[in-house]
Amino acid sequence: MRLQSGSMVVDFYPTKSWLDNNINPDKFLKVLTFCGETQKKEVVSEKKMIAEIDSYLFHDYTAISNNTLPQFV
């Protein structure tokens, strides 16, 4: 999921393992970007991701797209 408010963009990506290429059902990569520069990357649980998405939407972020391409972690 990609959320945006002004110059701040928050992306959540599904993750997969380097070892066996399997998708991790409960781990998501969160990437914070400000003015086109990555500020922070963090792996979060599905529960935390849902809570953070709700919080961002409450604070007037707009959902732009859904990121479905799994990232290696």
C-alpha atoms as a PDB file:
ATOM      1  CA  MET A   1       0.000   0.000   0.000  1.00  0.00           C
ATOM      2  CA  ARG A   2       1.245   3.495  -0.795  1.00  0.00           C
ATOM      3  CA  LEU A   3       0.033   6.439   1.261  1.00  0.00           C
ATOM      4  CA  GLN A   4       0.905  10.081   0.617  1.00  0.00           C
ATOM      5  CA  SER A   5       0.539  13.428   2.329  1.00  0.00           C
ATOM      6  CA  GLY A   6       2.351  16.276   0.599  1.00  0.00           C
ATOM      7  CA  SER A   7       6.015  15.293   0.186  1.00  0.00           C
ATOM      8  CA  MET A   8       5.812  12.334   2.607  1.00  0.00           C
ATOM      9  CA  VAL A   9       5.170   8.886   1.115  1.00  0.00           C
ATOM     10  CA  VAL A  10       4.775   5.675   3.117  1.00  0.00           C
ATOM     11  CA  ASP A  11       4.978   2.322   1.326  1.00  0.00           C
ATOM     12  CA  PHE A  12       4.174  -1.123   2.717  1.00  0.00           C
ATOM     13  CA  TYR A  13       5.417  -4.122   0.699  1.00  0.00           C
ATOM     14  CA  PRO A  14       4.964  -7.857   1.270  1.00  0.00           C
ATOM     15  CA  THR A  15       8.270  -9.598   2.012  1.00  0.00           C
ATOM     16  CA  LYS A  16       9.927 -12.845   1.011  1.00  0.00           C
ATOM     17  CA  SER A  17      12.893 -14.782   2.306  1.00  0.00           C
ATOM     18  CA  TRP A  18      16.304 -14.877   0.615  1.00  0.00           C
ATOM     19  CA  LEU A  19      16.684 -18.510   1.681  1.00  0.00           C
ATOM     20  CA  ASP A  20      13.633 -20.167   0.172  1.00  0.00           C
ATOM     21  CA  ASN A  21      11.896 -17.405  -1.832  1.00  0.00           C
ATOM     22  CA  ASN A  22       8.680 -17.931   0.184  1.00  0.00           C
ATOM     23  CA  ILE A  23       6.436 -14.968   0.986  1.00  0.00           C
ATOM     24  CA  ASN A  24       6.275 -14.122   4.699  1.00  0.00           C
ATOM     25  CA  PRO A  25       2.550 -13.782   5.516  1.00  0.00           C
ATOM     26  CA  ASP A  26       3.071 -11.676   8.659  1.00  0.00           C
ATOM     27  CA  LYS A  27       6.034  -9.444   7.721  1.00  0.00           C
ATOM     28  CA  PHE A  28       5.869  -6.282   5.633  1.00  0.00           C
ATOM     29  CA  LEU A  29       8.548  -3.792   4.603  1.00  0.00           C
ATOM     30  CA  LYS A  30       7.676  -0.211   5.550  1.00  0.00           C
ATOM     31  CA  VAL A  31       9.547   2.500   3.607  1.00  0.00           C
ATOM     32  CA  LEU A  32       9.261   6.200   4.516  1.00  0.00           C
ATOM     33  CA  THR A  33      10.230   8.641   1.770  1.00  0.00           C
ATOM     34  CA  PHE A  34      10.378  12.433   2.051  1.00  0.00           C
ATOM     35  CA  CYS A  35      10.911  14.605  -1.056  1.00  0.00           C
ATOM     36  CA  GLY A  36      12.037  11.533  -3.005  1.00  0.00           C
ATOM     37  CA  GLU A  37      14.693  10.462  -0.466  1.00  0.00           C
ATOM     38  CA  THR A  38      14.321   7.306   1.611  1.00  0.00           C
ATOM     39  CA  GLN A  39      14.318   8.223   5.282  1.00  0.00           C
ATOM     40  CA  LYS A  40      13.662   4.884   6.973  1.00  0.00           C
ATOM     41  CA  LYS A  41      13.085   1.193   6.239  1.00  0.00           C
ATOM     42  CA  GLU A  42      11.581  -1.183   8.769  1.00  0.00           C
ATOM     43  CA  VAL A  43      10.039  -4.660   8.799  1.00  0.00           C
ATOM     44  CA  VAL A  44       6.710  -4.661  10.644  1.00  0.00           C
ATOM     45  CA  SER A  45       4.072  -7.256  11.487  1.00  0.00           C
ATOM     46  CA  GLU A  46       0.757  -7.354   9.674  1.00  0.00           C
ATOM     47  CA  LYS A  47      -1.019  -6.174  12.839  1.00  0.00           C
ATOM     48  CA  LYS A  48       1.296  -3.148  13.174  1.00  0.00           C
ATOM     49  CA  MET A  49       0.960  -2.370   9.450  1.00  0.00           C
ATOM     50  CA  ILE A  50      -2.845  -2.298   9.676  1.00  0.00           C
ATOM     51  CA  ALA A  51      -2.737  -0.062  12.763  1.00  0.00           C
ATOM     52  CA  GLU A  52      -0.281   2.323  11.069  1.00  0.00           C
ATOM     53  CA  ILE A  53      -2.327   2.478   7.853  1.00  0.00           C
ATOM     54  CA  ASP A  54      -5.407   3.370   9.913  1.00  0.00           C
ATOM     55  CA  SER A  55      -3.404   6.067  11.718  1.00  0.00           C
ATOM     56  CA  TYR A  56      -2.036   7.551   8.479  1.00  0.00           C
ATOM     57  CA  LEU A  57      -5.520   7.619   6.928  1.00  0.00           C
ATOM     58  CA  PHE A  58      -6.879   9.294  10.078  1.00  0.00           C
ATOM     59  CA  HIS A  59      -4.185  11.984   9.681  1.00  0.00           C
ATOM     60  CA  ASP A  60      -5.309  12.835   6.121  1.00  0.00           C
ATOM     61  CA  TYR A  61      -2.912  10.664   4.120  1.00  0.00           C
ATOM     62  CA  THR A  62      -4.309   9.459   0.805  1.00  0.00           C
ATOM     63  CA  ALA A  63      -4.076   5.827  -0.309  1.00  0.00           C
ATOM     64  CA  ILE A  64      -2.536   5.975  -3.790  1.00  0.00           C
ATOM     65  CA  SER A  65      -1.871   2.375  -4.802  1.00  0.00           C
ATOM     66  CA  ASN A  66      -1.438  -1.150  -3.548  1.00  0.00           C
ATOM     67  CA  ASN A  67       2.128  -2.533  -3.631  1.00  0.00           C
ATOM     68  CA  THR A  68       2.068  -6.247  -4.354  1.00  0.00           C
ATOM     69  CA  LEU A  69       5.649  -6.934  -5.499  1.00  0.00           C
ATOM     70  CA  PRO A  70       7.332  -8.843  -2.624  1.00  0.00           C
ATOM     71  CA  GLN A  71      10.670  -7.480  -1.412  1.00  0.00           C
ATOM     72  CA  PHE A  72      13.570  -9.597  -0.126  1.00  0.00           C
ATOM     73  CA  VAL A  73      14.438  -9.200   3.564  1.00  0.00           C
END
